[in-house]
Amino acid sequence: MLSFALLEKRSMPLAGLPAYVVRVPILAELNSRYLRMTPAAMAEWLLNDLERAGALRRENDMLVATGS
């Protein structure tokens, strides 16, 4: 979900990601049922996986989509 949102928006403030994982129902449900992480920890987990996959990069205080 995050990678698709970034493709649409092209970038997102890094500081807003924990609130994003709380606000998006499927991410909140996934975290509630299975991961049980704090929003900040889940945000970092998502970022690390999407960076490894090459779907996004951190640029200053922003997340930037790398796909087209």
PDB file of N, CA and C in Angstrom:
ATOM      1  N   MET A   1       0.819  -1.181   0.000  1.00  0.00           N
ATOM      2  CA  MET A   1       0.000   0.000   0.000  1.00  0.00           C
ATOM      3  C   MET A   1       0.871   1.255   0.000  1.00  0.00           C
ATOM      4  N   LEU A   2       1.898   1.254   0.782  1.00  0.00           N
ATOM      5  CA  LEU A   2       2.767   2.421   0.859  1.00  0.00           C
ATOM      6  C   LEU A   2       3.431   2.682  -0.479  1.00  0.00           C
ATOM      7  N   SER A   3       3.917   1.637  -1.129  1.00  0.00           N
ATOM      8  CA  SER A   3       4.601   1.857  -2.404  1.00  0.00           C
ATOM      9  C   SER A   3       3.643   2.418  -3.448  1.00  0.00           C
ATOM     10  N   PHE A   4       2.391   1.975  -3.458  1.00  0.00           N
ATOM     11  CA  PHE A   4       1.412   2.516  -4.402  1.00  0.00           C
ATOM     12  C   PHE A   4       1.068   3.960  -4.074  1.00  0.00           C
ATOM     13  N   ALA A   5       0.939   4.275  -2.803  1.00  0.00           N
ATOM     14  CA  ALA A   5       0.666   5.660  -2.403  1.00  0.00           C
ATOM     15  C   ALA A   5       1.817   6.564  -2.823  1.00  0.00           C
ATOM     16  N   LEU A   6       3.040   6.081  -2.671  1.00  0.00           N
ATOM     17  CA  LEU A   6       4.193   6.888  -3.077  1.00  0.00           C
ATOM     18  C   LEU A   6       4.278   7.045  -4.589  1.00  0.00           C
ATOM     19  N   LEU A   7       3.893   6.010  -5.327  1.00  0.00           N
ATOM     20  CA  LEU A   7       3.884   6.147  -6.782  1.00  0.00           C
ATOM     21  C   LEU A   7       2.910   7.235  -7.211  1.00  0.00           C
ATOM     22  N   GLU A   8       1.784   7.314  -6.529  1.00  0.00           N
ATOM     23  CA  GLU A   8       0.791   8.331  -6.854  1.00  0.00           C
ATOM     24  C   GLU A   8       1.262   9.725  -6.442  1.00  0.00           C
ATOM     25  N   LYS A   9       1.787   9.840  -5.218  1.00  0.00           N
ATOM     26  CA  LYS A   9       2.176  11.147  -4.677  1.00  0.00           C
ATOM     27  C   LYS A   9       3.594  11.546  -5.051  1.00  0.00           C
ATOM     28  N   ARG A  10       4.435  10.582  -5.402  1.00  0.00           N
ATOM     29  CA  ARG A  10       5.849  10.745  -5.724  1.00  0.00           C
ATOM     30  C   ARG A  10       6.740  10.931  -4.493  1.00  0.00           C
ATOM     31  N   SER A  11       6.214  11.523  -3.412  1.00  0.00           N
ATOM     32  CA  SER A  11       7.008  11.665  -2.192  1.00  0.00           C
ATOM     33  C   SER A  11       6.071  11.837  -1.000  1.00  0.00           C
ATOM     34  N   MET A  12       6.658  11.647   0.179  1.00  0.00           N
ATOM     35  CA  MET A  12       5.898  11.735   1.423  1.00  0.00           C
ATOM     36  C   MET A  12       6.878  12.111   2.532  1.00  0.00           C
ATOM     37  N   PRO A  13       6.479  12.976   3.462  1.00  0.00           N
ATOM     38  CA  PRO A  13       7.377  13.285   4.582  1.00  0.00           C
ATOM     39  C   PRO A  13       7.638  12.039   5.432  1.00  0.00           C
ATOM     40  N   LEU A  14       8.881  11.788   5.723  1.00  0.00           N
ATOM     41  CA  LEU A  14       9.270  10.632   6.529  1.00  0.00           C
ATOM     42  C   LEU A  14       8.608  10.672   7.903  1.00  0.00           C
ATOM     43  N   ALA A  15       8.525  11.850   8.489  1.00  0.00           N
ATOM     44  CA  ALA A  15       7.942  11.982   9.832  1.00  0.00           C
ATOM     45  C   ALA A  15       6.466  11.607   9.869  1.00  0.00           C
ATOM     46  N   GLY A  16       5.778  11.645   8.741  1.00  0.00           N
ATOM     47  CA  GLY A  16       4.352  11.322   8.699  1.00  0.00           C
ATOM     48  C   GLY A  16       4.057   9.850   8.537  1.00  0.00           C
ATOM     49  N   LEU A  17       5.079   9.034   8.348  1.00  0.00           N
ATOM     50  CA  LEU A  17       4.839   7.610   8.089  1.00  0.00           C
ATOM     51  C   LEU A  17       4.207   6.853   9.256  1.00  0.00           C
ATOM     52  N   PRO A  18       4.607   7.046  10.503  1.00  0.00           N
ATOM     53  CA  PRO A  18       3.914   6.337  11.583  1.00  0.00           C
ATOM     54  C   PRO A  18       2.411   6.631  11.611  1.00  0.00           C
ATOM     55  N   ALA A  19       2.020   7.869  11.374  1.00  0.00           N
ATOM     56  CA  ALA A  19       0.588   8.207  11.330  1.00  0.00           C
ATOM     57  C   ALA A  19      -0.084   7.544  10.131  1.00  0.00           C
ATOM     58  N   TYR A  20       0.637   7.421   9.032  1.00  0.00           N
ATOM     59  CA  TYR A  20       0.106   6.771   7.833  1.00  0.00           C
ATOM     60  C   TYR A  20      -0.225   5.308   8.115  1.00  0.00           C
ATOM     61  N   VAL A  21       0.663   4.592   8.803  1.00  0.00           N
ATOM     62  CA  VAL A  21       0.399   3.170   9.064  1.00  0.00           C
ATOM     63  C   VAL A  21      -0.766   2.983  10.031  1.00  0.00           C
ATOM     64  N   VAL A  22      -1.062   3.978  10.830  1.00  0.00           N
ATOM     65  CA  VAL A  22      -2.236   3.927  11.717  1.00  0.00           C
ATOM     66  C   VAL A  22      -3.499   4.259  10.931  1.00  0.00           C
ATOM     67  N   ARG A  23      -3.389   5.192  10.008  1.00  0.00           N
ATOM     68  CA  ARG A  23      -4.542   5.719   9.266  1.00  0.00           C
ATOM     69  C   ARG A  23      -5.045   4.778   8.170  1.00  0.00           C
ATOM     70  N   VAL A  24      -4.157   3.996   7.553  1.00  0.00           N
ATOM     71  CA  VAL A  24      -4.543   3.106   6.453  1.00  0.00           C
ATOM     72  C   VAL A  24      -5.054   1.800   7.057  1.00  0.00           C
ATOM     73  N   PRO A  25      -6.335   1.507   6.848  1.00  0.00           N
ATOM     74  CA  PRO A  25      -6.956   0.363   7.532  1.00  0.00           C
ATOM     75  C   PRO A  25      -6.244  -0.975   7.359  1.00  0.00           C
ATOM     76  N   ILE A  26      -5.800  -1.315   6.163  1.00  0.00           N
ATOM     77  CA  ILE A  26      -5.170  -2.627   5.977  1.00  0.00           C
ATOM     78  C   ILE A  26      -3.835  -2.718   6.724  1.00  0.00           C
ATOM     79  N   LEU A  27      -3.097  -1.628   6.774  1.00  0.00           N
ATOM     80  CA  LEU A  27      -1.837  -1.635   7.518  1.00  0.00           C
ATOM     81  C   LEU A  27      -2.084  -1.696   9.020  1.00  0.00           C
ATOM     82  N   ALA A  28      -3.074  -0.948   9.485  1.00  0.00           N
ATOM     83  CA  ALA A  28      -3.415  -0.981  10.908  1.00  0.00           C
ATOM     84  C   ALA A  28      -3.884  -2.373  11.320  1.00  0.00           C
ATOM     85  N   GLU A  29      -4.685  -3.007  10.470  1.00  0.00           N
ATOM     86  CA  GLU A  29      -5.180  -4.361  10.767  1.00  0.00           C
ATOM     87  C   GLU A  29      -4.045  -5.380  10.769  1.00  0.00           C
ATOM     88  N   LEU A  30      -3.167  -5.300   9.792  1.00  0.00           N
ATOM     89  CA  LEU A  30      -2.005  -6.193   9.734  1.00  0.00           C
ATOM     90  C   LEU A  30      -1.166  -6.064  10.995  1.00  0.00           C
ATOM     91  N   ASN A  31      -0.932  -4.840  11.406  1.00  0.00           N
ATOM     92  CA  ASN A  31      -0.136  -4.617  12.602  1.00  0.00           C
ATOM     93  C   ASN A  31      -0.861  -5.120  13.846  1.00  0.00           C
ATOM     94  N   SER A  32      -2.133  -4.834  13.938  1.00  0.00           N
ATOM     95  CA  SER A  32      -2.912  -5.236  15.105  1.00  0.00           C
ATOM     96  C   SER A  32      -2.984  -6.760  15.252  1.00  0.00           C
ATOM     97  N   ARG A  33      -3.201  -7.433  14.154  1.00  0.00           N
ATOM     98  CA  ARG A  33      -3.374  -8.893  14.197  1.00  0.00           C
ATOM     99  C   ARG A  33      -2.076  -9.675  14.311  1.00  0.00           C
ATOM    100  N   TYR A  34      -1.066  -9.248  13.569  1.00  0.00           N
ATOM    101  CA  TYR A  34       0.110 -10.101  13.425  1.00  0.00           C
ATOM    102  C   TYR A  34       1.416  -9.506  13.961  1.00  0.00           C
ATOM    103  N   LEU A  35       1.662  -8.269  13.675  1.00  0.00           N
ATOM    104  CA  LEU A  35       2.976  -7.715  13.992  1.00  0.00           C
ATOM    105  C   LEU A  35       3.080  -7.144  15.393  1.00  0.00           C
ATOM    106  N   ARG A  36       2.056  -6.451  15.811  1.00  0.00           N
ATOM    107  CA  ARG A  36       1.990  -5.852  17.146  1.00  0.00           C
ATOM    108  C   ARG A  36       3.190  -4.955  17.446  1.00  0.00           C
ATOM    109  N   MET A  37       3.507  -4.121  16.480  1.00  0.00           N
ATOM    110  CA  MET A  37       4.605  -3.171  16.618  1.00  0.00           C
ATOM    111  C   MET A  37       4.044  -1.787  16.946  1.00  0.00           C
ATOM    112  N   THR A  38       4.868  -0.929  17.461  1.00  0.00           N
ATOM    113  CA  THR A  38       4.458   0.461  17.572  1.00  0.00           C
ATOM    114  C   THR A  38       4.356   1.012  16.136  1.00  0.00           C
ATOM    115  N   PRO A  39       3.587   2.074  15.935  1.00  0.00           N
ATOM    116  CA  PRO A  39       3.522   2.652  14.586  1.00  0.00           C
ATOM    117  C   PRO A  39       4.904   3.039  14.050  1.00  0.00           C
ATOM    118  N   ALA A  40       5.758   3.567  14.894  1.00  0.00           N
ATOM    119  CA  ALA A  40       7.102   3.945  14.454  1.00  0.00           C
ATOM    120  C   ALA A  40       7.914   2.717  14.036  1.00  0.00           C
ATOM    121  N   ALA A  41       7.807   1.633  14.790  1.00  0.00           N
ATOM    122  CA  ALA A  41       8.544   0.408  14.454  1.00  0.00           C
ATOM    123  C   ALA A  41       8.015  -0.206  13.164  1.00  0.00           C
ATOM    124  N   MET A  42       6.702  -0.201  12.976  1.00  0.00           N
ATOM    125  CA  MET A  42       6.138  -0.738  11.744  1.00  0.00           C
ATOM    126  C   MET A  42       6.551   0.123  10.551  1.00  0.00           C
ATOM    127  N   ALA A  43       6.549   1.428  10.725  1.00  0.00           N
ATOM    128  CA  ALA A  43       6.972   2.323   9.658  1.00  0.00           C
ATOM    129  C   ALA A  43       8.414   2.021   9.256  1.00  0.00           C
ATOM    130  N   GLU A  44       9.283   1.845  10.211  1.00  0.00           N
ATOM    131  CA  GLU A  44      10.687   1.533   9.926  1.00  0.00           C
ATOM    132  C   GLU A  44      10.812   0.180   9.238  1.00  0.00           C
ATOM    133  N   TRP A  45      10.031  -0.792   9.681  1.00  0.00           N
ATOM    134  CA  TRP A  45      10.021  -2.127   9.070  1.00  0.00           C
ATOM    135  C   TRP A  45       9.612  -2.037   7.600  1.00  0.00           C
ATOM    136  N   LEU A  46       8.535  -1.292   7.318  1.00  0.00           N
ATOM    137  CA  LEU A  46       8.093  -1.103   5.936  1.00  0.00           C
ATOM    138  C   LEU A  46       9.175  -0.410   5.102  1.00  0.00           C
ATOM    139  N   LEU A  47       9.740   0.646   5.654  1.00  0.00           N
ATOM    140  CA  LEU A  47      10.774   1.385   4.937  1.00  0.00           C
ATOM    141  C   LEU A  47      11.952   0.500   4.569  1.00  0.00           C
ATOM    142  N   ASN A  48      12.427  -0.268   5.520  1.00  0.00           N
ATOM    143  CA  ASN A  48      13.577  -1.133   5.255  1.00  0.00           C
ATOM    144  C   ASN A  48      13.280  -2.126   4.141  1.00  0.00           C
ATOM    145  N   ASP A  49      12.096  -2.748   4.171  1.00  0.00           N
ATOM    146  CA  ASP A  49      11.740  -3.715   3.126  1.00  0.00           C
ATOM    147  C   ASP A  49      11.597  -3.054   1.770  1.00  0.00           C
ATOM    148  N   LEU A  50      10.952  -1.895   1.720  1.00  0.00           N
ATOM    149  CA  LEU A  50      10.749  -1.221   0.443  1.00  0.00           C
ATOM    150  C   LEU A  50      12.050  -0.629  -0.102  1.00  0.00           C
ATOM    151  N   GLU A  51      12.940  -0.219   0.774  1.00  0.00           N
ATOM    152  CA  GLU A  51      14.265   0.230   0.325  1.00  0.00           C
ATOM    153  C   GLU A  51      15.052  -0.940  -0.263  1.00  0.00           C
ATOM    154  N   ARG A  52      15.022  -2.077   0.431  1.00  0.00           N
ATOM    155  CA  ARG A  52      15.723  -3.276  -0.058  1.00  0.00           C
ATOM    156  C   ARG A  52      15.196  -3.697  -1.428  1.00  0.00           C
ATOM    157  N   ALA A  53      13.889  -3.561  -1.624  1.00  0.00           N
ATOM    158  CA  ALA A  53      13.270  -3.936  -2.896  1.00  0.00           C
ATOM    159  C   ALA A  53      13.496  -2.889  -3.985  1.00  0.00           C
ATOM    160  N   GLY A  54      14.007  -1.730  -3.608  1.00  0.00           N
ATOM    161  CA  GLY A  54      14.253  -0.674  -4.578  1.00  0.00           C
ATOM    162  C   GLY A  54      13.012   0.124  -4.942  1.00  0.00           C
ATOM    163  N   ALA A  55      11.969   0.047  -4.114  1.00  0.00           N
ATOM    164  CA  ALA A  55      10.711   0.743  -4.405  1.00  0.00           C
ATOM    165  C   ALA A  55      10.717   2.195  -3.939  1.00  0.00           C
ATOM    166  N   LEU A  56      11.579   2.508  -2.979  1.00  0.00           N
ATOM    167  CA  LEU A  56      11.660   3.883  -2.494  1.00  0.00           C
ATOM    168  C   LEU A  56      13.047   4.160  -1.964  1.00  0.00           C
ATOM    169  N   ARG A  57      13.288   5.430  -1.752  1.00  0.00           N
ATOM    170  CA  ARG A  57      14.545   5.843  -1.121  1.00  0.00           C
ATOM    171  C   ARG A  57      14.254   7.002  -0.180  1.00  0.00           C
ATOM    172  N   ARG A  58      15.111   7.164   0.799  1.00  0.00           N
ATOM    173  CA  ARG A  58      15.014   8.297   1.717  1.00  0.00           C
ATOM    174  C   ARG A  58      15.879   9.419   1.144  1.00  0.00           C
ATOM    175  N   GLU A  59      15.299  10.582   1.088  1.00  0.00           N
ATOM    176  CA  GLU A  59      16.008  11.737   0.562  1.00  0.00           C
ATOM    177  C   GLU A  59      15.754  12.896   1.510  1.00  0.00           C
ATOM    178  N   ASN A  60      16.760  13.241   2.300  1.00  0.00           N
ATOM    179  CA  ASN A  60      16.611  14.224   3.374  1.00  0.00           C
ATOM    180  C   ASN A  60      15.514  13.735   4.317  1.00  0.00           C
ATOM    181  N   ASP A  61      14.454  14.477   4.505  1.00  0.00           N
ATOM    182  CA  ASP A  61      13.360  14.071   5.399  1.00  0.00           C
ATOM    183  C   ASP A  61      12.144  13.582   4.632  1.00  0.00           C
ATOM    184  N   MET A  62      12.362  13.110   3.408  1.00  0.00           N
ATOM    185  CA  MET A  62      11.262  12.666   2.557  1.00  0.00           C
ATOM    186  C   MET A  62      11.485  11.224   2.104  1.00  0.00           C
ATOM    187  N   LEU A  63      10.364  10.552   1.808  1.00  0.00           N
ATOM    188  CA  LEU A  63      10.393   9.259   1.128  1.00  0.00           C
ATOM    189  C   LEU A  63      10.055   9.541  -0.319  1.00  0.00           C
ATOM    190  N   VAL A  64      10.822   8.972  -1.213  1.00  0.00           N
ATOM    191  CA  VAL A  64      10.638   9.237  -2.629  1.00  0.00           C
ATOM    192  C   VAL A  64      10.465   7.913  -3.365  1.00  0.00           C
ATOM    193  N   ALA A  65       9.432   7.832  -4.192  1.00  0.00           N
ATOM    194  CA  ALA A  65       9.203   6.632  -5.003  1.00  0.00           C
ATOM    195  C   ALA A  65      10.289   6.525  -6.064  1.00  0.00           C
ATOM    196  N   THR A  66      10.753   5.313  -6.323  1.00  0.00           N
ATOM    197  CA  THR A  66      11.773   5.123  -7.337  1.00  0.00           C
ATOM    198  C   THR A  66      11.200   4.499  -8.598  1.00  0.00           C
ATOM    199  N   GLY A  67       9.975   3.974  -8.529  1.00  0.00           N
ATOM    200  CA  GLY A  67       9.346   3.379  -9.707  1.00  0.00           C
ATOM    201  C   GLY A  67       8.717   4.430 -10.575  1.00  0.00           C
ATOM    202  N   SER A  68       8.251   3.988 -11.727  1.00  0.00           N
ATOM    203  CA  SER A  68       7.588   4.948 -12.620  1.00  0.00           C
ATOM    204  C   SER A  68       6.162   4.557 -12.887  1.00  0.00           C
TER     205      SER A  68
END
